[in-house]
C-alpha atoms as a PDB file:
ATOM      1  CA  MET A   1      -8.214 -19.139  21.830  1.00  0.00           C
ATOM      2  CA  SER A   2      -6.406 -22.104  23.293  1.00  0.00           C
ATOM      3  CA  GLU A   3      -3.019 -22.355  24.929  1.00  0.00           C
ATOM      4  CA  CYS A   4      -0.266 -22.260  22.317  1.00  0.00           C
ATOM      5  CA  ILE A   5       1.271 -25.674  21.820  1.00  0.00           C
ATOM      6  CA  SER A   6       4.264 -25.833  19.511  1.00  0.00           C
ATOM      7  CA  GLY A   7       3.583 -27.791  16.339  1.00  0.00           C
ATOM      8  CA  GLN A   8      -0.239 -27.704  16.470  1.00  0.00           C
ATOM      9  CA  ARG A   9      -1.337 -27.045  12.869  1.00  0.00           C
ATOM     10  CA  GLU A  10      -4.713 -25.631  13.901  1.00  0.00           C
ATOM     11  CA  GLN A  11      -2.868 -22.924  15.836  1.00  0.00           C
ATOM     12  CA  LYS A  12      -0.752 -21.904  12.868  1.00  0.00           C
ATOM     13  CA  TRP A  13      -2.119 -19.259  10.526  1.00  0.00           C
ATOM     14  CA  VAL A  14      -0.669 -18.034   7.257  1.00  0.00           C
ATOM     15  CA  LEU A  15      -0.888 -14.717   5.446  1.00  0.00           C
ATOM     16  CA  VAL A  16      -2.051 -14.951   1.836  1.00  0.00           C
ATOM     17  CA  PRO A  17      -1.822 -11.769  -0.280  1.00  0.00           C
ATOM     18  CA  ALA A  18      -5.323 -10.508  -1.129  1.00  0.00           C
ATOM     19  CA  ALA A  19      -5.997 -10.252  -4.866  1.00  0.00           C
ATOM     20  CA  GLY A  20      -6.026  -6.659  -6.109  1.00  0.00           C
ATOM     21  CA  GLY A  21      -5.358  -5.279  -2.663  1.00  0.00           C
ATOM     22  CA  HIS A  22      -2.880  -2.970  -1.000  1.00  0.00           C
ATOM     23  CA  PRO A  23       0.693  -4.419  -0.807  1.00  0.00           C
ATOM     24  CA  ASN A  24       0.185  -5.136   2.932  1.00  0.00           C
ATOM     25  CA  ASP A  25      -3.380  -6.474   2.433  1.00  0.00           C
ATOM     26  CA  TYR A  26      -3.755 -10.157   3.375  1.00  0.00           C
ATOM     27  CA  LEU A  27      -6.212 -12.932   4.032  1.00  0.00           C
ATOM     28  CA  ILE A  28      -5.400 -14.802   7.253  1.00  0.00           C
ATOM     29  CA  LYS A  29      -5.999 -18.543   6.855  1.00  0.00           C
ATOM     30  CA  PRO A  30      -5.379 -21.647   8.959  1.00  0.00           C
ATOM     31  CA  GLU A  31      -2.216 -23.417   7.832  1.00  0.00           C
ATOM     32  CA  ASN A  32      -4.149 -26.644   7.247  1.00  0.00           C
ATOM     33  CA  ASP A  33      -6.116 -24.893   4.419  1.00  0.00           C
ATOM     34  CA  THR A  34      -9.697 -25.501   5.508  1.00  0.00           C
ATOM     35  CA  GLY A  35     -11.115 -22.978   3.030  1.00  0.00           C
ATOM     36  CA  LEU A  36     -11.804 -20.600   5.918  1.00  0.00           C
ATOM     37  CA  CYS A  37     -10.440 -17.104   6.609  1.00  0.00           C
ATOM     38  CA  LEU A  38     -10.323 -14.863   9.643  1.00  0.00           C
ATOM     39  CA  ASP A  39     -13.466 -12.741   9.305  1.00  0.00           C
ATOM     40  CA  GLN A  40     -14.692  -9.732  11.267  1.00  0.00           C
ATOM     41  CA  HIS A  41     -18.423 -10.220  11.786  1.00  0.00           C
ATOM     42  CA  TYR A  42     -20.788  -7.477  10.648  1.00  0.00           C
ATOM     43  CA  SER A  43     -24.347  -7.148  11.938  1.00  0.00           C
ATOM     44  CA  THR A  44     -27.085  -5.191  10.180  1.00  0.00           C
ATOM     45  CA  SER A  45     -25.912  -2.104  12.097  1.00  0.00           C
ATOM     46  CA  GLY A  46     -22.216  -2.409  11.239  1.00  0.00           C
ATOM     47  CA  PRO A  47     -18.970  -3.971  12.489  1.00  0.00           C
ATOM     48  CA  THR A  48     -18.803  -5.996  15.698  1.00  0.00           C
ATOM     49  CA  THR A  49     -15.850  -7.068  17.833  1.00  0.00           C
ATOM     50  CA  LEU A  50     -16.555 -10.749  16.956  1.00  0.00           C
ATOM     51  CA  LEU A  51     -13.937 -12.599  14.927  1.00  0.00           C
ATOM     52  CA  ARG A  52     -14.643 -15.968  13.338  1.00  0.00           C
ATOM     53  CA  ALA A  53     -13.307 -18.444  10.839  1.00  0.00           C
ATOM     54  CA  TRP A  54     -15.652 -18.092   7.846  1.00  0.00           C
ATOM     55  CA  GLN A  55     -15.776 -19.363   4.289  1.00  0.00           C
ATOM     56  CA  CYS A  56     -13.135 -17.444   2.312  1.00  0.00           C
ATOM     57  CA  THR A  57     -14.588 -15.095  -0.274  1.00  0.00           C
ATOM     58  CA  GLY A  58     -12.023 -12.280  -0.078  1.00  0.00           C
ATOM     59  CA  VAL A  59     -14.537  -9.604   0.971  1.00  0.00           C
ATOM     60  CA  LEU A  60     -13.139  -6.585   2.843  1.00  0.00           C
ATOM     61  CA  ASN A  61     -14.067  -7.837   6.317  1.00  0.00           C
ATOM     62  CA  GLN A  62     -11.777 -10.839   5.612  1.00  0.00           C
ATOM     63  CA  ARG A  63      -8.880  -8.658   4.524  1.00  0.00           C
ATOM     64  CA  TRP A  64      -6.260  -7.530   7.007  1.00  0.00           C
ATOM     65  CA  ILE A  65      -3.615  -4.843   6.667  1.00  0.00           C
ATOM     66  CA  ILE A  66      -0.349  -5.768   8.334  1.00  0.00           C
ATOM     67  CA  SER A  67       1.747  -2.851   9.587  1.00  0.00           C
ATOM     68  CA  VAL A  68       5.225  -4.189  10.194  1.00  0.00           C
ATOM     69  CA  GLY A  69       7.039  -2.638  13.103  1.00  0.00           C
ATOM     70  CA  PRO A  70      10.621  -3.028  14.338  1.00  0.00           C
ATOM     71  CA  THR A  71       9.686  -5.658  16.948  1.00  0.00           C
ATOM     72  CA  ALA A  72       6.016  -6.522  16.325  1.00  0.00           C
ATOM     73  CA  ASN A  73       3.203  -6.167  13.812  1.00  0.00           C
ATOM     74  CA  THR A  74      -0.185  -4.471  14.015  1.00  0.00           C
ATOM     75  CA  ILE A  75      -3.095  -6.140  12.208  1.00  0.00           C
ATOM     76  CA  MET A  76      -6.019  -3.952  11.112  1.00  0.00           C
ATOM     77  CA  ASN A  77      -9.221  -4.941   9.301  1.00  0.00           C
ATOM     78  CA  ALA A  78      -9.391  -3.418   5.814  1.00  0.00           C
ATOM     79  CA  ARG A  79     -13.129  -2.683   6.054  1.00  0.00           C
ATOM     80  CA  SER A  80     -13.643  -1.409   9.610  1.00  0.00           C
ATOM     81  CA  VAL A  81     -10.068  -0.202  10.277  1.00  0.00           C
ATOM     82  CA  TRP A  82     -10.326  -1.886  13.710  1.00  0.00           C
ATOM     83  CA  CYS A  83      -7.262  -3.633  15.186  1.00  0.00           C
ATOM     84  CA  LEU A  84      -6.830  -7.210  16.344  1.00  0.00           C
ATOM     85  CA  ASP A  85      -6.746  -7.007  20.117  1.00  0.00           C
ATOM     86  CA  GLN A  86      -6.245  -9.516  22.926  1.00  0.00           C
ATOM     87  CA  SER A  87      -8.969  -8.748  25.456  1.00  0.00           C
ATOM     88  CA  HIS A  88      -8.221  -7.981  29.085  1.00  0.00           C
ATOM     89  CA  ALA A  89     -10.240  -8.469  32.251  1.00  0.00           C
ATOM     90  CA  ASP A  90      -9.975  -7.055  35.776  1.00  0.00           C
ATOM     91  CA  ASN A  91      -9.851  -3.378  34.837  1.00  0.00           C
ATOM     92  CA  ASN A  92      -7.728  -4.068  31.776  1.00  0.00           C
ATOM     93  CA  THR A  93      -4.844  -5.682  33.681  1.00  0.00           C
ATOM     94  CA  VAL A  94      -5.248  -9.441  33.110  1.00  0.00           C
ATOM     95  CA  PRO A  95      -5.074 -10.818  29.542  1.00  0.00           C
ATOM     96  CA  THR A  96      -7.800 -13.267  28.530  1.00  0.00           C
ATOM     97  CA  SER A  97      -7.836 -15.916  25.811  1.00  0.00           C
ATOM     98  CA  THR A  98     -10.207 -13.858  23.634  1.00  0.00           C
ATOM     99  CA  VAL A  99      -9.037 -12.051  20.516  1.00  0.00           C
ATOM    100  CA  VAL A 100     -11.407  -9.407  19.152  1.00  0.00           C
ATOM    101  CA  ALA A 101     -11.518  -6.606  16.611  1.00  0.00           C
ATOM    102  CA  TRP A 102     -11.276  -3.375  18.608  1.00  0.00           C
ATOM    103  CA  PRO A 103     -12.403   0.022  17.317  1.00  0.00           C
ATOM    104  CA  ARG A 104      -9.528   1.935  18.908  1.00  0.00           C
ATOM    105  CA  CYS A 105      -6.063   1.125  17.612  1.00  0.00           C
ATOM    106  CA  HIS A 106      -3.908   2.170  20.563  1.00  0.00           C
ATOM    107  CA  LEU A 107      -0.949  -0.058  19.629  1.00  0.00           C
ATOM    108  CA  GLN A 108      -0.315  -1.261  23.169  1.00  0.00           C
ATOM    109  CA  ASP A 109       1.120  -4.744  23.850  1.00  0.00           C
ATOM    110  CA  ASN A 110      -2.273  -6.443  23.430  1.00  0.00           C
ATOM    111  CA  GLN A 111      -2.422  -5.170  19.829  1.00  0.00           C
ATOM    112  CA  GLN A 112       1.092  -6.271  18.874  1.00  0.00           C
ATOM    113  CA  TRP A 113       1.500  -9.572  16.981  1.00  0.00           C
ATOM    114  CA  PHE A 114       4.603 -11.590  16.239  1.00  0.00           C
ATOM    115  CA  ASN A 115       5.463 -14.029  13.507  1.00  0.00           C
ATOM    116  CA  GLY A 116       7.296 -17.201  14.362  1.00  0.00           C
ATOM    117  CA  VAL A 117       8.259 -18.418  17.801  1.00  0.00           C
ATOM    118  CA  ARG A 118       9.187 -15.953  20.551  1.00  0.00           C
END
């Protein structure tokens, strides 16, 4: 993840309703429509914390459930039920530039996401 720079299209993502899904079930795609979607990687043994931009097919590991809160949103993978999480270093006190899928949805600040400019 790079530093946020206002107006950079590659840093803007859009929510596209997933066909036949739950009302809050979305694909997350780059605004510049590259044909890719945010995808939670699965190994032969199951889900991993790795997120990647991958060819959009609409499979469950590319579908994200958005839970809208009063001030922020939580984003959870429809297949693994893991939350998007900004990683932390130094005994969980310093945020890093890595976003992962995390198996425990604790809903702390690093799992809260905002739309638009803050």
